[in-house]
Amino acid sequence: MAMRRAGESPSSAVRSLLLLRLLRRAQAPSDAGSSAQIFSSSDLLPLRSHRQIVGFPTTRAFARRFSSSLKQEDEIALEEEAQKKAAWLFKSIFILTAGFAAYQFFPYMGDNLLHQSISLLRVRDPLFKRMGASRLARYAVDDERRMRVVEMGGAKELLNVLQAAADDKTRKETLKALVALSKSDEAARFLHQAGAVPIVRSISNSSEFAEVETHKTSLLEKFEKIKS
C-alpha cells in the first residue's frame, strides 16, 4: 500500500490511491473477468469510508434528518396555531364578559353617558340612532330615570327619530325606547302632549319585525289610558 505523503489531506490520498490502482489495471493484461469492470467493490471501500470520515451523510441518514426536520416544523406550526386559537378564545371571553357587565350596569351610570346616548339620536347615520335608542331603553328601568331622560330631551328626540325613520330596524328600536319611557305615567303624559299619538299611528307594521306592531299597540293603549 502506498504511504500517504506528509501534509497530504485524506481526500488527496484517496484520489491518489484510486489513480494508482487505475494505472495498474490499465498496464496489467486484460482478461474476460477483468475487462468488464475497472474497479472492484474493494476499490470503492476507501471512498465509502472516506465519505463517512469526512462527514458526508448517507442516504438513510439524510432521510432521517429530513423527516425529523419536517416533524419539528409541523409541531411548531401546530403549536403556533393552538396559541392563536387560545388568544382569540380569551379575547372573545373578555369581550362577552365586558359587554354583559356593561349591559347590567348601564342603568346605574351617570348623566354623562345619558347625554352621550341622547346625542347619538341626533347623528344622521341610522346605526347611531339605533344605538342611542337602545341605550335609553336599557337606562329607563325606573320612574326616576325615565323622567331624567325626559328632562334631558331624550323623549322628544326619540319622537323626532321615529317620525323621520326610513327603516324598520330604527323604528323598532325607537318604539322600544318609547315603550320603556311610557311605563312612567308622567313620562307618558309628556309624550302624549308632545304629539306622540299621530306619530305612532303613522308607523306602518313591519313584515320583518313583529315587535313594531307590538310596541305600537302598547303605546297607543297607554296613551288612551292616561287620557281617560
Protein backbone atom coordinates (compact mmCIF):
# COMPACT_ATOMS: atom_id res chain seq x y z
CA MET A 1 0.00 0.00 0.00
CA ALA A 2 1.29 3.41 -0.94
CA MET A 3 2.08 5.59 2.07
CA ARG A 4 0.46 8.98 2.30
CA ARG A 5 2.92 11.79 1.98
CA ALA A 6 3.32 14.30 4.79
CA GLY A 7 0.91 17.24 4.59
CA GLU A 8 -1.42 15.44 2.16
CA SER A 9 -5.15 15.64 3.00
CA PRO A 10 -7.31 12.47 3.30
CA SER A 11 -9.22 13.29 0.11
CA SER A 12 -5.97 13.73 -1.85
CA ALA A 13 -4.70 10.42 -0.52
CA VAL A 14 -7.86 8.63 -1.64
CA ARG A 15 -7.68 10.15 -5.10
CA SER A 16 -4.00 9.16 -5.35
CA LEU A 17 -4.78 5.59 -4.32
CA LEU A 18 -7.59 5.27 -6.86
CA LEU A 19 -5.40 6.73 -9.62
CA LEU A 20 -2.57 4.30 -8.78
CA ARG A 21 -4.92 1.32 -8.97
CA LEU A 22 -6.35 2.58 -12.27
CA LEU A 23 -2.85 2.75 -13.77
CA ARG A 24 -2.01 -0.76 -12.54
CA ARG A 25 -5.20 -2.18 -14.05
CA ALA A 26 -4.51 -0.45 -17.36
CA GLN A 27 -0.96 -1.85 -17.51
CA ALA A 28 -1.98 -5.40 -16.49
CA PRO A 29 -3.02 -7.86 -19.24
CA SER A 30 -6.75 -7.81 -19.70
CA ASP A 31 -8.87 -10.94 -19.48
CA ALA A 32 -12.59 -11.77 -19.63
CA GLY A 33 -13.08 -11.24 -15.93
CA SER A 34 -11.14 -8.00 -15.51
CA SER A 35 -12.12 -6.21 -18.72
CA ALA A 36 -15.76 -5.94 -17.62
CA GLN A 37 -15.02 -3.94 -14.50
CA ILE A 38 -12.20 -1.49 -13.89
CA PHE A 39 -12.92 -1.10 -10.17
CA SER A 40 -13.99 -3.84 -7.83
CA SER A 41 -16.11 -3.35 -4.75
CA SER A 42 -12.95 -3.41 -2.64
CA ASP A 43 -11.62 -0.45 -4.61
CA LEU A 44 -14.62 1.64 -3.56
CA LEU A 45 -14.26 0.85 0.13
CA PRO A 46 -11.72 3.65 0.71
CA LEU A 47 -14.09 6.10 -0.96
CA ARG A 48 -17.04 4.97 1.15
CA SER A 49 -15.04 5.07 4.35
CA HIS A 50 -13.66 8.45 3.35
CA ARG A 51 -17.20 9.82 2.91
CA GLN A 52 -18.09 8.62 6.38
CA ILE A 53 -14.87 10.01 7.87
CA VAL A 54 -15.17 13.49 6.37
CA GLY A 55 -18.87 13.70 7.31
CA PHE A 56 -20.82 13.24 4.08
CA PRO A 57 -24.32 11.99 5.08
CA THR A 58 -25.53 8.69 3.72
CA THR A 59 -28.94 8.37 2.02
CA ARG A 60 -30.59 6.89 5.12
CA ALA A 61 -29.07 9.47 7.42
CA PHE A 62 -30.21 12.28 5.14
CA ALA A 63 -33.73 10.84 5.00
CA ARG A 64 -33.86 10.58 8.79
CA ARG A 65 -32.67 14.16 9.22
CA PHE A 66 -35.16 15.44 6.61
CA SER A 67 -38.05 13.54 8.22
CA SER A 68 -37.07 14.83 11.67
CA SER A 69 -36.92 18.41 10.32
CA LEU A 70 -40.42 18.10 8.82
CA LYS A 71 -41.81 16.76 12.11
CA GLN A 72 -40.28 19.65 14.03
CA GLU A 73 -41.74 22.20 11.58
CA ASP A 74 -45.20 20.57 11.84
CA GLU A 75 -45.03 20.62 15.64
CA ILE A 76 -44.03 24.30 15.65
CA ALA A 77 -46.87 25.17 13.23
CA LEU A 78 -49.43 23.27 15.33
CA GLU A 79 -48.19 24.97 18.49
CA GLU A 80 -48.45 28.43 16.91
CA GLU A 81 -51.97 27.68 15.65
CA ALA A 82 -53.03 26.49 19.10
CA GLN A 83 -51.62 29.66 20.67
CA LYS A 84 -53.54 31.83 18.19
CA LYS A 85 -56.81 30.00 18.86
CA ALA A 86 -56.28 30.28 22.61
CA ALA A 87 -55.62 34.03 22.27
CA TRP A 88 -58.82 34.52 20.24
CA LEU A 89 -60.77 32.47 22.79
CA PHE A 90 -59.55 34.62 25.69
CA LYS A 91 -60.33 37.80 23.72
CA SER A 92 -63.86 36.58 22.94
CA ILE A 93 -64.47 35.69 26.58
CA PHE A 94 -63.21 39.12 27.66
CA ILE A 95 -65.40 40.96 25.13
CA LEU A 96 -68.50 38.98 26.09
CA THR A 97 -67.84 39.49 29.79
CA ALA A 98 -67.27 43.22 29.33
CA GLY A 99 -70.42 43.53 27.20
CA PHE A 100 -72.52 41.66 29.74
CA ALA A 101 -71.17 43.80 32.58
CA ALA A 102 -71.84 46.98 30.63
CA TYR A 103 -75.39 45.82 29.87
CA GLN A 104 -76.05 45.08 33.54
CA PHE A 105 -74.53 48.25 34.99
CA PHE A 106 -75.60 50.66 32.23
CA PRO A 107 -78.72 51.88 34.10
CA TYR A 108 -76.56 52.93 37.04
CA MET A 109 -74.17 55.11 35.06
CA GLY A 110 -74.20 58.88 35.32
CA ASP A 111 -75.58 61.79 33.32
CA ASN A 112 -72.57 61.96 31.02
CA LEU A 113 -73.39 58.61 29.44
CA LEU A 114 -77.06 59.53 29.28
CA HIS A 115 -76.16 62.75 27.48
CA GLN A 116 -74.00 60.80 25.02
CA SER A 117 -76.86 58.40 24.34
CA ILE A 118 -79.23 61.27 23.56
CA SER A 119 -76.57 62.87 21.33
CA LEU A 120 -76.45 59.67 19.25
CA LEU A 121 -80.11 60.26 18.33
CA ARG A 122 -79.07 63.45 16.51
CA VAL A 123 -76.50 61.73 14.28
CA ARG A 124 -77.57 61.19 10.67
CA ASP A 125 -76.43 57.58 10.48
CA PRO A 126 -79.37 55.26 11.41
CA LEU A 127 -76.96 52.89 13.12
CA PHE A 128 -76.02 55.51 15.70
CA LYS A 129 -79.68 56.43 16.15
CA ARG A 130 -80.49 52.79 16.93
CA MET A 131 -77.58 52.64 19.36
CA GLY A 132 -78.83 55.72 21.17
CA ALA A 133 -82.39 54.42 21.37
CA SER A 134 -81.20 51.03 22.62
CA ARG A 135 -79.15 52.69 25.36
CA LEU A 136 -82.11 54.77 26.52
CA ALA A 137 -84.33 51.68 26.63
CA ARG A 138 -81.80 49.96 28.92
CA TYR A 139 -81.40 53.07 31.05
CA ALA A 140 -85.11 53.63 31.71
CA VAL A 141 -85.57 50.99 34.41
CA ASP A 142 -87.48 53.09 36.95
CA ASP A 143 -89.60 56.26 37.04
CA GLU A 144 -86.77 58.45 38.25
CA ARG A 145 -84.52 57.53 35.33
CA ARG A 146 -87.40 57.73 32.86
CA MET A 147 -88.13 61.29 33.90
CA ARG A 148 -84.42 62.05 33.75
CA VAL A 149 -84.47 61.06 30.08
CA VAL A 150 -87.48 63.33 29.54
CA GLU A 151 -85.83 66.26 31.32
CA MET A 152 -82.67 65.96 29.24
CA GLY A 153 -84.64 65.97 25.97
CA GLY A 154 -84.40 62.27 25.18
CA ALA A 155 -88.15 61.70 24.81
CA LYS A 156 -88.51 64.50 22.27
CA GLU A 157 -85.50 63.26 20.30
CA LEU A 158 -86.97 59.76 20.19
CA LEU A 159 -90.16 61.12 18.65
CA ASN A 160 -88.12 63.00 16.04
CA VAL A 161 -86.18 59.84 15.17
CA LEU A 162 -89.38 57.79 14.90
CA GLN A 163 -91.04 60.35 12.65
CA ALA A 164 -88.05 60.51 10.27
CA ALA A 165 -87.05 56.84 10.39
CA ALA A 166 -86.72 55.22 6.97
CA ASP A 167 -86.14 51.59 8.00
CA ASP A 168 -87.89 49.07 10.26
CA LYS A 169 -84.83 48.43 12.43
CA THR A 170 -84.69 52.07 13.52
CA ARG A 171 -88.45 52.17 14.07
CA LYS A 172 -88.31 49.03 16.20
CA GLU A 173 -85.52 50.31 18.49
CA THR A 174 -87.14 53.75 18.82
CA LEU A 175 -90.57 52.32 19.67
CA LYS A 176 -88.93 50.02 22.21
CA ALA A 177 -87.33 53.02 23.95
CA LEU A 178 -90.63 54.90 23.94
CA VAL A 179 -92.39 51.92 25.49
CA ALA A 180 -89.75 51.86 28.25
CA LEU A 181 -90.37 55.57 28.95
CA SER A 182 -94.16 55.24 28.84
CA LYS A 183 -94.13 52.90 31.83
CA SER A 184 -93.97 56.10 33.85
CA ASP A 185 -97.36 57.86 33.78
CA GLU A 186 -95.70 61.25 33.95
CA ALA A 187 -93.38 60.45 31.03
CA ALA A 188 -96.33 59.03 29.06
CA ARG A 189 -98.27 62.29 29.58
CA PHE A 190 -95.29 64.24 28.28
CA LEU A 191 -95.13 62.06 25.17
CA HIS A 192 -98.87 62.44 24.62
CA GLN A 193 -98.64 66.23 24.89
CA ALA A 194 -95.62 66.24 22.56
CA GLY A 195 -97.73 64.73 19.77
CA ALA A 196 -96.68 61.09 20.06
CA VAL A 197 -100.13 59.66 19.17
CA PRO A 198 -100.26 60.70 15.49
CA ILE A 199 -96.59 59.85 15.01
CA VAL A 200 -97.02 56.35 16.41
CA ARG A 201 -100.21 55.74 14.44
CA SER A 202 -98.49 56.74 11.19
CA ILE A 203 -95.94 53.94 11.55
CA SER A 204 -96.85 51.00 9.34
CA ASN A 205 -96.45 47.44 10.57
CA SER A 206 -93.33 45.53 9.60
CA SER A 207 -93.33 42.14 7.90
CA GLU A 208 -89.79 41.57 9.18
CA PHE A 209 -90.15 42.71 12.80
CA ALA A 210 -93.33 41.79 14.65
CA GLU A 211 -92.13 43.92 17.58
CA VAL A 212 -93.05 47.06 15.66
CA GLU A 213 -96.77 46.27 15.85
CA THR A 214 -96.45 45.09 19.46
CA HIS A 215 -94.76 48.32 20.58
CA LYS A 216 -97.26 50.45 18.65
CA THR A 217 -100.21 48.73 20.30
CA SER A 218 -98.65 49.08 23.75
CA LEU A 219 -98.01 52.81 23.31
CA LEU A 220 -101.46 53.60 21.92
CA GLU A 221 -103.12 51.69 24.76
CA LYS A 222 -101.03 53.62 27.29
CA PHE A 223 -101.92 56.97 25.74
CA GLU A 224 -105.60 56.02 25.70
CA LYS A 225 -105.41 55.04 29.36
CA ILE A 226 -103.83 58.28 30.61
CA LYS A 227 -106.24 60.36 28.51
CA SER A 228 -109.29 58.85 30.23
